[in-house]
């Protein structure tokens, strides 16, 4: 199976790439990047592409499964418009190219509260992306909607750092219908995605199959 990971230099994407490379069911991991990676692996392809002109690299998207972990913050992007270009336009363009190239399955990292009707800009963009990729009609489409991600990032995010300090204790109070708001380790998400990818048999899926994964589902898929 040939799997593309978009957002491979991010927290979850980076963990995912390494887990996929260690999975015998995965023959090749394709990780498009802006700049060359500083490490290599016999089963890793890391083409340097222009994300503003993905169509010029259409051949790169000839994969069986696309996993999109691409994402930024409004602060890092610099504006809502720049944020939308990364989190919506880049992700949707990649999904469209993969679908056109024959990919049967897509796994998308979204967020809890994602809705195209949300009054919160971040959640609205995430929801609009979910809706747009649904229209591509992958045989298998899995949407991950985690709450706060826990893990060591290269860049410092103040709000997330504060959240990481209190959420492990706060998680204990989030039970029942509130369980979906529990913070979750990026390592857990990467493990869940790896397990899900290795079990996908999109070729045998009848019609269009869409799954929404929240905290409990993600933990169960990870096998933790």
Protein backbone atom coordinates (compact mmCIF):
# COMPACT_ATOMS: atom_id res chain seq x y z
CA UNK A 1 0.00 0.00 0.00
CA UNK A 2 1.26 3.47 -0.93
CA UNK A 3 0.30 6.19 1.55
CA UNK A 4 0.73 9.95 1.34
CA UNK A 5 1.06 12.01 4.52
CA UNK A 6 0.41 15.71 4.03
CA UNK A 7 1.75 17.78 6.91
CA UNK A 8 4.61 15.38 7.63
CA UNK A 9 6.74 18.03 9.35
CA UNK A 10 4.07 18.78 11.94
CA UNK A 11 3.57 17.14 15.33
CA UNK A 12 1.09 14.42 14.40
CA UNK A 13 2.23 14.05 10.79
CA UNK A 14 5.83 13.51 11.81
CA UNK A 15 4.90 10.80 14.29
CA UNK A 16 2.60 9.20 11.72
CA UNK A 17 5.27 8.98 9.02
CA UNK A 18 7.63 7.10 11.30
CA UNK A 19 4.91 4.71 12.46
CA UNK A 20 3.83 3.99 8.88
CA UNK A 21 7.43 3.29 7.88
CA UNK A 22 7.56 0.66 10.60
CA UNK A 23 4.37 -1.04 9.43
CA UNK A 24 4.91 -4.00 7.06
CA UNK A 25 1.55 -3.39 5.36
CA UNK A 26 2.85 -0.07 4.00
CA UNK A 27 5.23 -0.36 1.06
CA UNK A 28 5.82 3.37 0.44
CA UNK A 29 5.20 6.57 2.38
CA UNK A 30 5.04 9.74 0.30
CA UNK A 31 5.61 12.94 2.29
CA UNK A 32 5.57 16.10 0.14
CA UNK A 33 7.60 18.92 1.70
CA UNK A 34 8.62 22.50 1.01
CA UNK A 35 12.26 21.87 1.89
CA UNK A 36 14.34 18.65 1.82
CA UNK A 37 14.10 16.51 4.94
CA UNK A 38 17.24 15.97 6.99
CA UNK A 39 16.68 12.22 7.23
CA UNK A 40 15.78 9.39 4.87
CA UNK A 41 14.38 5.88 4.78
CA UNK A 42 14.33 3.24 2.00
CA UNK A 43 10.50 3.33 1.91
CA UNK A 44 10.14 7.10 2.16
CA UNK A 45 9.63 9.47 -0.76
CA UNK A 46 9.82 13.13 0.21
CA UNK A 47 9.43 15.19 -2.98
CA UNK A 48 9.94 18.93 -2.66
CA UNK A 49 6.87 20.62 -4.14
CA UNK A 50 5.33 24.06 -4.50
CA UNK A 51 2.16 23.90 -2.41
CA UNK A 52 0.81 26.90 -4.31
CA UNK A 53 1.06 24.92 -7.56
CA UNK A 54 0.27 21.34 -6.60
CA UNK A 55 -1.10 20.62 -10.07
CA UNK A 56 2.46 20.84 -11.41
CA UNK A 57 3.30 17.84 -9.19
CA UNK A 58 0.17 15.82 -9.93
CA UNK A 59 2.13 12.58 -10.37
CA UNK A 60 3.21 12.70 -6.73
CA UNK A 61 -0.41 12.18 -5.67
CA UNK A 62 -0.69 8.73 -7.27
CA UNK A 63 -1.24 6.91 -3.97
CA UNK A 64 -3.71 4.47 -2.45
CA UNK A 65 -4.45 6.47 0.69
CA UNK A 66 -4.11 10.16 1.55
CA UNK A 67 -3.71 11.16 5.19
CA UNK A 68 -3.99 14.91 5.66
CA UNK A 69 -2.47 16.27 8.88
CA UNK A 70 -1.83 19.67 7.38
CA UNK A 71 -2.58 22.60 9.65
CA UNK A 72 -1.34 25.87 11.06
CA UNK A 73 -2.55 28.62 13.39
CA UNK A 74 -3.82 32.08 12.54
CA UNK A 75 -0.91 33.54 14.53
CA UNK A 76 1.68 31.55 12.61
CA UNK A 77 -0.02 32.07 9.24
CA UNK A 78 -0.31 35.81 9.84
CA UNK A 79 -3.94 36.29 8.90
CA UNK A 80 -7.25 34.48 8.55
CA UNK A 81 -6.80 34.48 4.78
CA UNK A 82 -3.36 32.86 5.02
CA UNK A 83 -4.68 30.35 7.56
CA UNK A 84 -7.52 29.39 5.22
CA UNK A 85 -5.09 28.89 2.34
CA UNK A 86 -3.15 26.28 4.30
CA UNK A 87 -5.91 24.56 6.25
CA UNK A 88 -8.54 24.62 3.49
CA UNK A 89 -7.12 25.28 0.03
CA UNK A 90 -3.94 23.22 0.28
CA UNK A 91 -5.74 20.32 1.93
CA UNK A 92 -8.63 20.31 -0.54
CA UNK A 93 -6.32 20.61 -3.57
CA UNK A 94 -4.29 17.65 -2.34
CA UNK A 95 -7.41 15.57 -1.74
CA UNK A 96 -8.73 16.41 -5.21
CA UNK A 97 -5.45 15.48 -6.89
CA UNK A 98 -5.21 12.21 -4.96
CA UNK A 99 -8.79 11.32 -5.87
CA UNK A 100 -8.16 12.11 -9.54
CA UNK A 101 -5.02 9.94 -9.44
CA UNK A 102 -7.03 6.98 -8.14
CA UNK A 103 -6.84 7.13 -4.35
CA UNK A 104 -9.75 5.30 -2.75
CA UNK A 105 -9.29 6.43 0.83
CA UNK A 106 -8.69 9.65 2.73
CA UNK A 107 -8.07 10.26 6.43
CA UNK A 108 -8.41 13.87 7.53
CA UNK A 109 -7.18 15.51 10.72
CA UNK A 110 -9.92 17.98 11.61
CA UNK A 111 -10.94 19.27 15.04
CA UNK A 112 -13.65 18.90 17.64
CA UNK A 113 -16.40 21.42 16.98
CA UNK A 114 -15.73 21.57 13.25
CA UNK A 115 -18.82 22.81 11.43
CA UNK A 116 -19.37 24.88 8.34
CA UNK A 117 -22.11 26.67 10.33
CA UNK A 118 -19.89 27.57 13.27
CA UNK A 119 -19.52 31.20 14.29
CA UNK A 120 -15.90 30.43 15.25
CA UNK A 121 -13.63 31.04 12.25
CA UNK A 122 -11.26 28.12 12.97
CA UNK A 123 -14.09 25.62 13.44
CA UNK A 124 -15.93 26.94 10.39
CA UNK A 125 -12.91 26.47 8.11
CA UNK A 126 -12.39 22.95 9.43
CA UNK A 127 -16.06 22.16 8.86
CA UNK A 128 -16.03 23.60 5.34
CA UNK A 129 -13.04 21.40 4.52
CA UNK A 130 -14.82 18.30 5.84
CA UNK A 131 -17.86 19.13 3.69
CA UNK A 132 -15.76 19.80 0.59
CA UNK A 133 -13.83 16.52 0.85
CA UNK A 134 -17.09 14.63 1.40
CA UNK A 135 -18.20 15.80 -2.06
CA UNK A 136 -15.14 14.11 -3.61
CA UNK A 137 -16.75 10.79 -2.62
CA UNK A 138 -13.75 8.74 -1.57
CA UNK A 139 -14.78 5.12 -1.05
CA UNK A 140 -13.41 5.47 2.48
CA UNK A 141 -13.29 8.81 4.30
CA UNK A 142 -12.32 8.99 7.98
CA UNK A 143 -12.48 12.31 9.83
CA UNK A 144 -10.53 12.72 13.07
CA UNK A 145 -11.94 15.34 15.42
CA UNK A 146 -9.58 15.58 18.42
CA UNK A 147 -9.65 18.29 21.05
CA UNK A 148 -6.38 19.74 22.37
CA UNK A 149 -3.31 17.87 21.11
CA UNK A 150 -0.64 16.94 23.64
CA UNK A 151 2.97 16.52 22.55
CA UNK A 152 6.28 18.27 22.09
CA UNK A 153 6.16 20.75 19.20
CA UNK A 154 9.18 22.45 17.66
CA UNK A 155 7.47 25.85 17.89
CA UNK A 156 6.05 27.23 21.14
CA UNK A 157 2.30 27.79 21.31
CA UNK A 158 1.41 29.62 24.53
CA UNK A 159 -2.27 28.70 24.64
CA UNK A 160 -1.54 25.05 23.97
CA UNK A 161 1.25 25.03 26.57
CA UNK A 162 -1.18 26.30 29.19
CA UNK A 163 -3.75 23.75 28.11
CA UNK A 164 -1.23 20.92 28.30
CA UNK A 165 -0.48 21.89 31.89
CA UNK A 166 -4.06 21.59 33.09
CA UNK A 167 -5.74 19.15 30.71
CA UNK A 168 -4.40 15.85 32.12
CA UNK A 169 -6.22 16.62 35.37
CA UNK A 170 -9.20 18.20 33.62
CA UNK A 171 -9.61 15.07 31.50
CA UNK A 172 -10.77 13.18 34.58
CA UNK A 173 -13.78 15.48 34.87
CA UNK A 174 -14.73 15.11 31.20
CA UNK A 175 -16.99 12.07 31.24
CA UNK A 176 -20.07 10.93 29.36
CA UNK A 177 -20.98 13.30 26.54
CA UNK A 178 -18.06 15.55 27.52
CA UNK A 179 -15.49 12.81 26.94
CA UNK A 180 -14.97 13.95 23.34
CA UNK A 181 -13.40 17.18 24.67
CA UNK A 182 -10.56 15.36 26.43
CA UNK A 183 -7.04 16.35 25.40
CA UNK A 184 -5.25 13.60 23.54
CA UNK A 185 -1.64 12.73 22.83
CA UNK A 186 -0.54 13.22 19.23
CA UNK A 187 1.18 9.85 19.63
CA UNK A 188 -2.24 8.25 20.21
CA UNK A 189 -3.67 9.84 17.07
CA UNK A 190 -0.69 8.72 14.99
CA UNK A 191 -1.07 5.17 16.30
CA UNK A 192 -4.80 5.17 15.52
CA UNK A 193 -4.23 6.46 11.98
CA UNK A 194 -1.51 3.87 11.36
CA UNK A 195 -3.78 1.06 12.50
CA UNK A 196 -6.67 2.38 10.44
CA UNK A 197 -4.56 2.75 7.29
CA UNK A 198 -3.27 -0.81 7.59
CA UNK A 199 -6.84 -2.15 7.86
CA UNK A 200 -8.34 -0.18 4.98
CA UNK A 201 -9.54 -2.22 2.06
CA UNK A 202 -11.11 0.61 0.11
CA UNK A 203 -11.32 -1.50 -3.01
CA UNK A 204 -14.00 -3.60 -1.35
CA UNK A 205 -15.96 -0.67 0.06
CA UNK A 206 -19.38 -0.36 -1.52
CA UNK A 207 -20.48 3.21 -2.17
CA UNK A 208 -19.14 5.98 0.02
CA UNK A 209 -18.17 5.22 3.62
CA UNK A 210 -17.67 8.16 6.00
CA UNK A 211 -16.52 7.82 9.61
CA UNK A 212 -16.14 10.52 12.26
CA UNK A 213 -13.56 9.69 14.94
CA UNK A 214 -13.62 11.49 18.28
CA UNK A 215 -11.73 10.84 21.51
CA UNK A 216 -13.09 7.40 22.43
CA UNK A 217 -12.94 6.09 18.85
CA UNK A 218 -9.38 7.35 18.40
CA UNK A 219 -8.17 5.74 21.61
CA UNK A 220 -9.86 2.47 20.66
CA UNK A 221 -8.27 2.52 17.19
CA UNK A 222 -4.88 3.17 18.75
CA UNK A 223 -5.28 0.07 20.87
CA UNK A 224 -4.27 1.95 24.03
